[in-house]
Amino acid sequence: MFVMILFYAFSAVLIAAALAVITTRNPVYSALCLVLAFFTSAAIWLLIEVEFLALVLVLVYVGAVMVLFLFVVMMLDVEVEQARGGFTRYAWLGWLTALVVILELVGVYASHRFGADAGAVPAPTPEGYSNTHELGTLLYTDYVYAFELAAVLLLVAIVAAIALTMRKRAGLKVQDIAKQVAVRREDRVRLVKMDAEKRG
């Protein structure tokens, strides 16, 4: 009973945080709401005894991906007013996508074609069972190619983020290392000789 109360409490916070992500106008506040959504998702995973995935969600997504996202938001200097103008133009596509996702979730939950009852409570794991060991065995045997592909995609995302931050913008000051090294004293310093003047 207490577990169900915790589940509904965390679910309510998760839904509120997810709605705040897409409704908040400030991108920094939106990112912070996404961090809250990740934390509550990790808490729900802890309730079903998936400790490894919960820790990975906190350490990887909150500790690394969200920090990178915040740095990208800060460095890109997004024009908020221009972004708002494009939001209303493509709002219908967003609502249509959300409707399709909701219908898919309802269909998966209502059907039993996947070999498991969606409403069933998972059986408690026996003593000494390690889901980390089981997950590692699956990742590095059956899904090793998908795991490596995910690593490559993350590398491409990092390179793309760096390329976006290094793009040319008006008023951006960029160092030219070759010119700094090749500079001469005569180009920078000028000695002026003046006669001493006496104050009257």
Protein backbone atom coordinates (compact mmCIF):
# COMPACT_ATOMS: atom_id res chain seq x y z
CA MET A 1 0.00 0.00 0.00
CA PHE A 2 2.80 2.42 0.92
CA VAL A 3 4.60 1.58 -2.33
CA MET A 4 1.49 2.48 -4.32
CA ILE A 5 1.19 5.81 -2.51
CA LEU A 6 4.84 6.57 -3.34
CA PHE A 7 4.27 5.55 -6.96
CA TYR A 8 1.29 7.87 -7.42
CA ALA A 9 3.11 10.72 -5.64
CA PHE A 10 6.22 10.38 -7.82
CA SER A 11 4.05 9.98 -10.91
CA ALA A 12 2.19 13.22 -10.17
CA VAL A 13 5.50 15.09 -9.73
CA LEU A 14 6.84 13.51 -12.93
CA ILE A 15 3.82 14.57 -14.99
CA ALA A 16 3.96 18.11 -13.58
CA ALA A 17 7.69 18.37 -14.31
CA ALA A 18 7.22 17.02 -17.85
CA LEU A 19 4.49 19.56 -18.55
CA ALA A 20 6.69 22.32 -17.15
CA VAL A 21 9.48 21.31 -19.55
CA ILE A 22 7.36 22.08 -22.61
CA THR A 23 5.43 25.05 -21.20
CA THR A 24 8.21 27.03 -19.51
CA ARG A 25 9.41 29.88 -21.71
CA ASN A 26 12.88 30.16 -20.19
CA PRO A 27 15.13 27.35 -21.56
CA VAL A 28 17.16 27.21 -18.33
CA TYR A 29 14.02 26.67 -16.21
CA SER A 30 12.90 24.06 -18.72
CA ALA A 31 16.19 22.21 -18.29
CA LEU A 32 15.85 22.31 -14.49
CA CYS A 33 12.33 20.89 -14.75
CA LEU A 34 13.76 18.12 -16.92
CA VAL A 35 16.28 17.36 -14.15
CA LEU A 36 13.36 17.04 -11.70
CA ALA A 37 11.62 14.68 -14.15
CA PHE A 38 14.75 12.52 -14.33
CA PHE A 39 15.00 12.34 -10.54
CA THR A 40 11.38 11.29 -10.12
CA SER A 41 11.76 8.72 -12.92
CA ALA A 42 14.75 7.28 -11.07
CA ALA A 43 12.68 7.11 -7.87
CA ILE A 44 9.95 5.18 -9.71
CA TRP A 45 12.56 2.77 -11.06
CA LEU A 46 13.83 2.22 -7.54
CA LEU A 47 10.32 1.18 -6.51
CA ILE A 48 10.41 -1.69 -9.03
CA GLU A 49 13.95 -2.69 -7.92
CA VAL A 50 15.82 -1.50 -11.01
CA GLU A 51 18.61 0.13 -9.04
CA PHE A 52 21.23 0.16 -11.79
CA LEU A 53 19.07 1.97 -14.33
CA ALA A 54 17.97 4.47 -11.68
CA LEU A 55 21.58 5.27 -10.78
CA VAL A 56 22.57 5.53 -14.44
CA LEU A 57 19.68 7.91 -15.07
CA VAL A 58 20.85 10.19 -12.26
CA LEU A 59 24.59 9.98 -12.96
CA VAL A 60 24.56 10.04 -16.76
CA TYR A 61 21.52 12.13 -17.68
CA VAL A 62 21.40 14.51 -14.73
CA GLY A 63 25.12 14.63 -14.04
CA ALA A 64 26.44 14.77 -17.60
CA VAL A 65 23.86 15.22 -20.34
CA MET A 66 21.87 17.94 -18.58
CA VAL A 67 25.03 19.85 -17.64
CA LEU A 68 26.12 19.67 -21.29
CA PHE A 69 22.65 20.80 -22.36
CA LEU A 70 22.80 23.79 -20.01
CA PHE A 71 26.23 24.76 -21.34
CA VAL A 72 24.95 24.53 -24.91
CA VAL A 73 21.91 26.67 -24.06
CA MET A 74 24.14 29.28 -22.46
CA MET A 75 26.72 29.33 -25.26
CA LEU A 76 24.33 29.26 -28.20
CA ASP A 77 22.66 32.51 -27.07
CA VAL A 78 19.24 31.42 -28.34
CA GLU A 79 16.97 34.18 -29.54
CA VAL A 80 13.94 33.55 -27.32
CA GLU A 81 11.55 35.79 -29.21
CA GLN A 82 12.43 34.20 -32.53
CA ALA A 83 11.99 30.72 -31.05
CA ARG A 84 8.57 31.63 -29.72
CA GLY A 85 7.46 32.75 -33.15
CA GLY A 86 8.34 29.37 -34.65
CA PHE A 87 6.61 27.51 -31.82
CA THR A 88 3.11 28.60 -32.79
CA ARG A 89 3.73 27.75 -36.42
CA TYR A 90 4.58 24.10 -35.68
CA ALA A 91 2.34 23.64 -32.61
CA TRP A 92 -0.11 21.47 -34.57
CA LEU A 93 2.68 19.01 -35.39
CA GLY A 94 3.62 18.79 -31.71
CA TRP A 95 0.04 18.12 -30.62
CA LEU A 96 -0.35 15.50 -33.34
CA THR A 97 2.85 13.73 -32.24
CA ALA A 98 1.75 13.82 -28.59
CA LEU A 99 -1.63 12.33 -29.54
CA VAL A 100 0.04 9.48 -31.45
CA VAL A 101 2.35 8.71 -28.51
CA ILE A 102 -0.56 8.71 -26.06
CA LEU A 103 -2.57 6.36 -28.29
CA GLU A 104 0.42 4.01 -28.56
CA LEU A 105 0.87 3.95 -24.78
CA VAL A 106 -2.82 3.23 -24.23
CA GLY A 107 -2.70 0.49 -26.85
CA VAL A 108 0.32 -1.18 -25.26
CA TYR A 109 -1.22 -1.00 -21.80
CA ALA A 110 -4.61 -2.31 -22.95
CA SER A 111 -3.26 -5.24 -24.96
CA HIS A 112 -1.54 -8.39 -23.71
CA ARG A 113 0.18 -9.25 -26.96
CA PHE A 114 3.65 -8.67 -25.56
CA GLY A 115 3.57 -11.71 -23.29
CA ALA A 116 3.23 -9.82 -20.00
CA ASP A 117 0.43 -8.26 -18.03
CA ALA A 118 1.02 -4.51 -17.92
CA GLY A 119 -0.85 -4.15 -14.65
CA ALA A 120 0.86 -7.04 -12.85
CA VAL A 121 3.17 -6.32 -9.94
CA PRO A 122 6.67 -7.72 -10.58
CA ALA A 123 7.74 -10.60 -8.40
CA PRO A 124 10.36 -9.81 -5.74
CA THR A 125 13.89 -10.77 -6.71
CA PRO A 126 15.62 -13.57 -4.77
CA GLU A 127 18.42 -12.87 -2.34
CA GLY A 128 21.79 -12.40 -4.00
CA TYR A 129 20.29 -11.46 -7.37
CA SER A 130 22.13 -8.66 -9.17
CA ASN A 131 20.32 -6.87 -11.97
CA THR A 132 23.59 -5.05 -12.75
CA HIS A 133 25.24 -8.38 -13.58
CA GLU A 134 22.30 -9.50 -15.71
CA LEU A 135 22.15 -6.19 -17.56
CA GLY A 136 25.90 -6.20 -18.21
CA THR A 137 25.71 -9.75 -19.54
CA LEU A 138 22.96 -8.78 -21.99
CA LEU A 139 24.65 -5.54 -23.08
CA TYR A 140 28.01 -7.13 -23.87
CA THR A 141 26.67 -10.31 -25.49
CA ASP A 142 23.31 -9.98 -27.23
CA TYR A 143 23.21 -6.17 -27.63
CA VAL A 144 26.88 -5.30 -27.99
CA TYR A 145 26.44 -3.77 -31.48
CA ALA A 146 23.54 -1.60 -30.37
CA PHE A 147 25.59 -0.53 -27.34
CA GLU A 148 28.52 0.51 -29.54
CA LEU A 149 26.15 2.31 -31.92
CA ALA A 150 24.74 4.32 -29.01
CA ALA A 151 28.29 5.31 -28.03
CA VAL A 152 28.99 6.51 -31.58
CA LEU A 153 25.74 8.53 -31.63
CA LEU A 154 26.71 10.23 -28.35
CA LEU A 155 30.12 11.07 -29.83
CA VAL A 156 28.44 12.60 -32.90
CA ALA A 157 26.15 14.63 -30.62
CA ILE A 158 29.14 16.01 -28.69
CA VAL A 159 30.94 16.97 -31.91
CA ALA A 160 27.77 18.65 -33.22
CA ALA A 161 27.37 20.63 -29.98
CA ILE A 162 30.96 21.84 -30.22
CA ALA A 163 30.49 22.78 -33.88
CA LEU A 164 27.37 24.80 -33.03
CA THR A 165 29.16 26.74 -30.31
CA MET A 166 32.10 27.54 -32.61
CA ARG A 167 30.01 28.96 -35.44
CA LYS A 168 30.59 32.53 -36.59
CA ARG A 169 28.32 35.12 -35.02
CA ALA A 170 28.18 38.89 -35.23
CA GLY A 171 30.28 40.51 -32.54
CA LEU A 172 32.04 37.26 -31.58
CA LYS A 173 35.69 37.72 -30.58
CA VAL A 174 37.94 34.86 -31.67
CA GLN A 175 41.62 34.48 -30.91
CA ASP A 176 44.06 34.11 -33.80
CA ILE A 177 46.96 32.21 -32.26
CA ALA A 178 49.23 32.61 -35.33
CA LYS A 179 48.93 36.41 -35.25
CA GLN A 180 49.52 36.50 -31.50
CA VAL A 181 52.72 34.47 -31.80
CA ALA A 182 54.02 36.45 -34.80
CA VAL A 183 53.55 39.87 -33.19
CA ARG A 184 56.62 42.13 -32.81
CA ARG A 185 57.48 44.64 -30.15
CA GLU A 186 57.64 47.43 -32.69
CA ASP A 187 54.05 46.77 -33.70
CA ARG A 188 52.73 47.05 -30.17
CA VAL A 189 54.91 49.52 -28.30
CA ARG A 190 55.95 53.00 -29.42
CA LEU A 191 58.48 54.98 -27.44
CA VAL A 192 57.95 58.75 -27.51
CA LYS A 193 60.70 61.15 -26.36
CA MET A 194 59.50 64.45 -24.99
CA ASP A 195 61.36 67.37 -23.48
CA ALA A 196 60.82 67.97 -19.83
CA GLU A 197 58.54 70.87 -19.09
CA LYS A 198 58.70 73.10 -16.08
CA ARG A 199 55.51 74.08 -14.35
CA GLY A 200 55.14 77.81 -13.91
